[in-house]
Each structure stands twice: as structure tokens, then as C-alpha cells.
Amino acid sequence: MTVGRAGWIPEALLWVILCFAPLAFGAVEAWSVALLETLILLLFVITLLRPPSHERGLWASTLRRRTAHTALVATLLVWAALGAAQLLFPRNVTGPSTALPFSVYPFGTTRQVLFLLCSAALAFSAPLVLSTKTQLRRFAWAIFLIGALEAVIGLAQTGTGNRVLYGL
């Protein structure tokens, strides 16, 4: 972990998110997804409060130059705004309702809006935390190895007829 860039705390938090995310999405417990969302939003706040040390003056212009990164974050935020607009006009399934954006299931819509906001926060923070090629390469290998491990565990569980997740 590189101390001179964004610091070791954001990178360590990103590693915790990477290792915990498969378990959070695979678990049926609501607390696990809430904990994952809290960790992502904490990473976002830390990244906002402490930009890379050598780019403190040019931080905003550095983000503007990354057009693909900006487009991804903007798209996620637009989708989250549409979801939030749907919450303003819930649709009654059994009776008349408006033609405006709607939500038949407000709880599900709220969960999806939180998911999109956390995705945007992670897409914003990750490039600032993983700023060197070695950090990015190490993180890409970790993603690959965790995915391969999950695939092997999933195949083993399917072959044995085991219905529990990750053996738990």
C-alpha cells in the first residue's frame, strides 16, 4: 500500500470492500449489504476529504480529464435520480394512478437507488485510491483470484448438491 498517494486507509478500506462484497451479496442477511454500503460510503467520504497529496490543487481538473470515469459516475447518478423520482409517485396497483414515473414496490426501489448511489461512490473513489500501476495490477489480480475461488466453490457446491452458500 502506498502512503504517499491517497494513503493506506482508503486502500485498506477498498481491500476490505473487495473481500467482503461476495459474502454480502451472497448472504440473505440484510445487515451484510447495509455494512457493505456503509463501507463504500465511508470510502467515498474519506476520498473526498483527502484527495491524493500531490494533486491537491489539481484534484478537480484530474477528474474532469477522465471522461469515461466521469461519464460512468454521471450515468449512475442519473439512474439513481430517476429511481428517487419514482419514489415520489408510488403507483397503486389496484386502482387509478398517474402516468408519471412510478414505483409499485417502494422498498425495492429504495434498495436499488442505494445500490446505484453506492456504485457511483465506488466508481468515483476507486480510481483515486488505485492511482499507480502496481496498485491497479495487484487489485486486478485479487479480483481475478477471488472470482476463480468463488467459481470453484460454486462448482463444488453444485456437484455435491449442497444448497448452502460458501459452506455456511
Protein backbone atom coordinates (compact mmCIF):
# COMPACT_ATOMS: atom_id res chain seq x y z
CA MET A 1 0.00 0.00 0.00
CA THR A 2 1.31 3.37 -0.94
CA VAL A 3 1.32 6.02 1.76
CA GLY A 4 2.30 8.94 -0.47
CA ARG A 5 -0.79 8.81 -2.67
CA ALA A 6 -4.27 8.61 -1.23
CA GLY A 7 -2.96 7.00 1.95
CA TRP A 8 -3.12 3.50 3.31
CA ILE A 9 -6.56 3.87 4.93
CA PRO A 10 -8.57 4.26 1.69
CA GLU A 11 -6.66 1.43 0.02
CA ALA A 12 -7.16 -0.86 3.02
CA LEU A 13 -10.86 0.02 3.04
CA LEU A 14 -11.07 -0.81 -0.67
CA TRP A 15 -9.47 -4.21 0.03
CA VAL A 16 -11.99 -4.89 2.81
CA ILE A 17 -14.82 -4.00 0.42
CA LEU A 18 -13.38 -6.31 -2.24
CA CYS A 19 -13.10 -9.25 0.15
CA PHE A 20 -16.45 -8.68 1.88
CA ALA A 21 -18.61 -7.90 -1.19
CA PRO A 22 -19.06 -11.50 -2.43
CA LEU A 23 -20.17 -12.58 1.03
CA ALA A 24 -22.51 -9.59 1.40
CA PHE A 25 -24.23 -10.16 -1.93
CA GLY A 26 -24.42 -13.90 -1.37
CA ALA A 27 -25.84 -13.68 2.14
CA VAL A 28 -29.51 -13.29 2.82
CA GLU A 29 -28.89 -11.15 5.87
CA ALA A 30 -29.85 -7.50 5.43
CA TRP A 31 -27.07 -6.32 7.74
CA SER A 32 -24.36 -7.57 5.37
CA VAL A 33 -25.48 -5.40 2.44
CA ALA A 34 -26.00 -2.46 4.81
CA LEU A 35 -22.46 -2.92 6.15
CA LEU A 36 -21.09 -3.07 2.60
CA GLU A 37 -22.95 0.12 1.64
CA THR A 38 -21.65 1.82 4.79
CA LEU A 39 -18.06 0.83 3.94
CA ILE A 40 -18.44 2.14 0.38
CA LEU A 41 -19.88 5.46 1.54
CA LEU A 42 -17.11 5.73 4.16
CA LEU A 43 -14.53 5.21 1.41
CA PHE A 44 -16.25 7.92 -0.64
CA VAL A 45 -16.16 10.40 2.26
CA ILE A 46 -12.50 9.64 3.01
CA THR A 47 -11.63 10.07 -0.66
CA LEU A 48 -13.46 13.40 -0.81
CA LEU A 49 -11.83 14.69 2.36
CA ARG A 50 -8.33 13.51 1.47
CA PRO A 51 -7.51 13.69 -2.22
CA PRO A 52 -4.11 12.43 -3.43
CA SER A 53 -1.40 14.54 -1.77
CA HIS A 54 0.47 15.51 -4.93
CA GLU A 55 -2.75 16.56 -6.72
CA ARG A 56 -4.46 18.61 -4.02
CA GLY A 57 -4.58 21.72 -6.20
CA LEU A 58 -5.37 19.91 -9.45
CA TRP A 59 -7.76 17.34 -8.00
CA ALA A 60 -10.93 18.51 -9.78
CA SER A 61 -9.18 19.01 -13.13
CA THR A 62 -7.70 15.50 -12.89
CA LEU A 63 -11.22 14.08 -12.57
CA ARG A 64 -12.50 16.19 -15.47
CA ARG A 65 -9.83 14.74 -17.76
CA ARG A 66 -11.07 11.22 -17.15
CA THR A 67 -14.11 11.44 -19.41
CA ALA A 68 -15.01 7.74 -19.26
CA HIS A 69 -14.82 7.83 -15.48
CA THR A 70 -16.96 10.97 -15.33
CA ALA A 71 -19.49 9.51 -17.76
CA LEU A 72 -19.84 6.35 -15.67
CA VAL A 73 -20.41 8.26 -12.45
CA ALA A 74 -22.85 10.65 -14.17
CA THR A 75 -24.83 7.76 -15.67
CA LEU A 76 -25.15 6.03 -12.30
CA LEU A 77 -26.27 9.28 -10.69
CA VAL A 78 -28.89 9.87 -13.41
CA TRP A 79 -30.29 6.37 -12.86
CA ALA A 80 -30.35 6.98 -9.10
CA ALA A 81 -32.19 10.29 -9.65
CA LEU A 82 -34.79 8.52 -11.82
CA GLY A 83 -35.25 5.93 -9.08
CA ALA A 84 -35.66 8.68 -6.49
CA ALA A 85 -38.25 10.37 -8.74
CA GLN A 86 -40.15 7.09 -8.86
CA LEU A 87 -40.40 7.13 -5.09
CA LEU A 88 -42.25 10.45 -5.21
CA PHE A 89 -45.09 8.93 -7.23
CA PRO A 90 -45.91 5.46 -5.97
CA ARG A 91 -48.34 3.62 -8.21
CA ASN A 92 -51.41 1.94 -6.84
CA VAL A 93 -51.56 -1.46 -8.48
CA THR A 94 -55.27 -1.99 -7.91
CA GLY A 95 -56.58 1.48 -8.76
CA PRO A 96 -56.02 4.56 -10.89
CA SER A 97 -52.65 6.27 -10.79
CA THR A 98 -50.60 8.91 -12.55
CA ALA A 99 -48.64 8.47 -15.77
CA LEU A 100 -45.55 9.96 -14.10
CA PRO A 101 -42.58 7.80 -13.12
CA PHE A 102 -43.84 5.27 -10.64
CA SER A 103 -42.81 2.61 -8.22
CA VAL A 104 -45.03 -0.36 -7.48
CA TYR A 105 -42.66 -1.59 -4.77
CA PRO A 106 -41.11 1.43 -2.98
CA PHE A 107 -38.87 -0.68 -0.73
CA GLY A 108 -37.26 -2.38 -3.74
CA THR A 109 -36.87 0.96 -5.48
CA THR A 110 -35.18 2.44 -2.40
CA ARG A 111 -32.77 -0.51 -2.25
CA GLN A 112 -31.95 -0.04 -5.94
CA VAL A 113 -31.36 3.71 -5.51
CA LEU A 114 -28.98 3.00 -2.61
CA PHE A 115 -27.22 0.39 -4.73
CA LEU A 116 -26.78 2.87 -7.61
CA LEU A 117 -25.53 5.60 -5.27
CA CYS A 118 -23.01 3.21 -3.74
CA SER A 119 -21.93 2.10 -7.21
CA ALA A 120 -21.36 5.73 -8.19
CA ALA A 121 -19.43 6.38 -4.97
CA LEU A 122 -17.23 3.34 -5.60
CA ALA A 123 -16.69 4.29 -9.26
CA PHE A 124 -15.68 7.77 -8.11
CA SER A 125 -13.33 6.62 -5.34
CA ALA A 126 -11.56 3.59 -6.81
CA PRO A 127 -9.54 5.44 -9.49
CA LEU A 128 -8.36 7.93 -6.90
CA VAL A 129 -7.29 5.22 -4.48
CA LEU A 130 -5.72 2.90 -7.07
CA SER A 131 -3.59 5.55 -8.69
CA THR A 132 -0.41 3.63 -9.55
CA LYS A 133 0.02 0.75 -11.98
CA THR A 134 1.26 -1.60 -9.28
CA GLN A 135 -1.79 -0.91 -7.11
CA LEU A 136 -4.09 -1.44 -10.07
CA ARG A 137 -2.32 -4.63 -11.15
CA ARG A 138 -2.40 -6.03 -7.61
CA PHE A 139 -6.11 -5.20 -7.29
CA ALA A 140 -6.95 -6.73 -10.70
CA TRP A 141 -5.19 -9.97 -9.71
CA ALA A 142 -7.11 -10.02 -6.44
CA ILE A 143 -10.41 -9.63 -8.31
CA PHE A 144 -9.44 -12.46 -10.65
CA LEU A 145 -8.37 -14.80 -7.82
CA ILE A 146 -11.46 -14.10 -5.72
CA GLY A 147 -13.66 -14.75 -8.77
CA ALA A 148 -11.83 -18.00 -9.54
CA LEU A 149 -12.15 -19.11 -5.92
CA GLU A 150 -15.89 -18.37 -5.93
CA ALA A 151 -16.30 -20.31 -9.18
CA VAL A 152 -14.51 -23.35 -7.75
CA ILE A 153 -16.58 -23.20 -4.55
CA GLY A 154 -19.78 -22.82 -6.58
CA LEU A 155 -18.92 -25.79 -8.79
CA ALA A 156 -18.05 -27.91 -5.76
CA GLN A 157 -21.32 -26.99 -4.05
CA THR A 158 -23.34 -27.70 -7.19
CA GLY A 159 -21.65 -31.06 -7.66
CA THR A 160 -22.39 -32.16 -4.11
CA GLY A 161 -25.99 -30.91 -4.13
CA ASN A 162 -25.23 -28.59 -1.24
CA ARG A 163 -27.71 -25.71 -1.06
CA VAL A 164 -25.81 -23.53 1.45
CA LEU A 165 -23.65 -20.63 0.35
CA TYR A 166 -19.85 -20.93 0.72
CA GLY A 167 -20.42 -23.88 3.01
CA LEU A 168 -22.11 -21.70 5.63
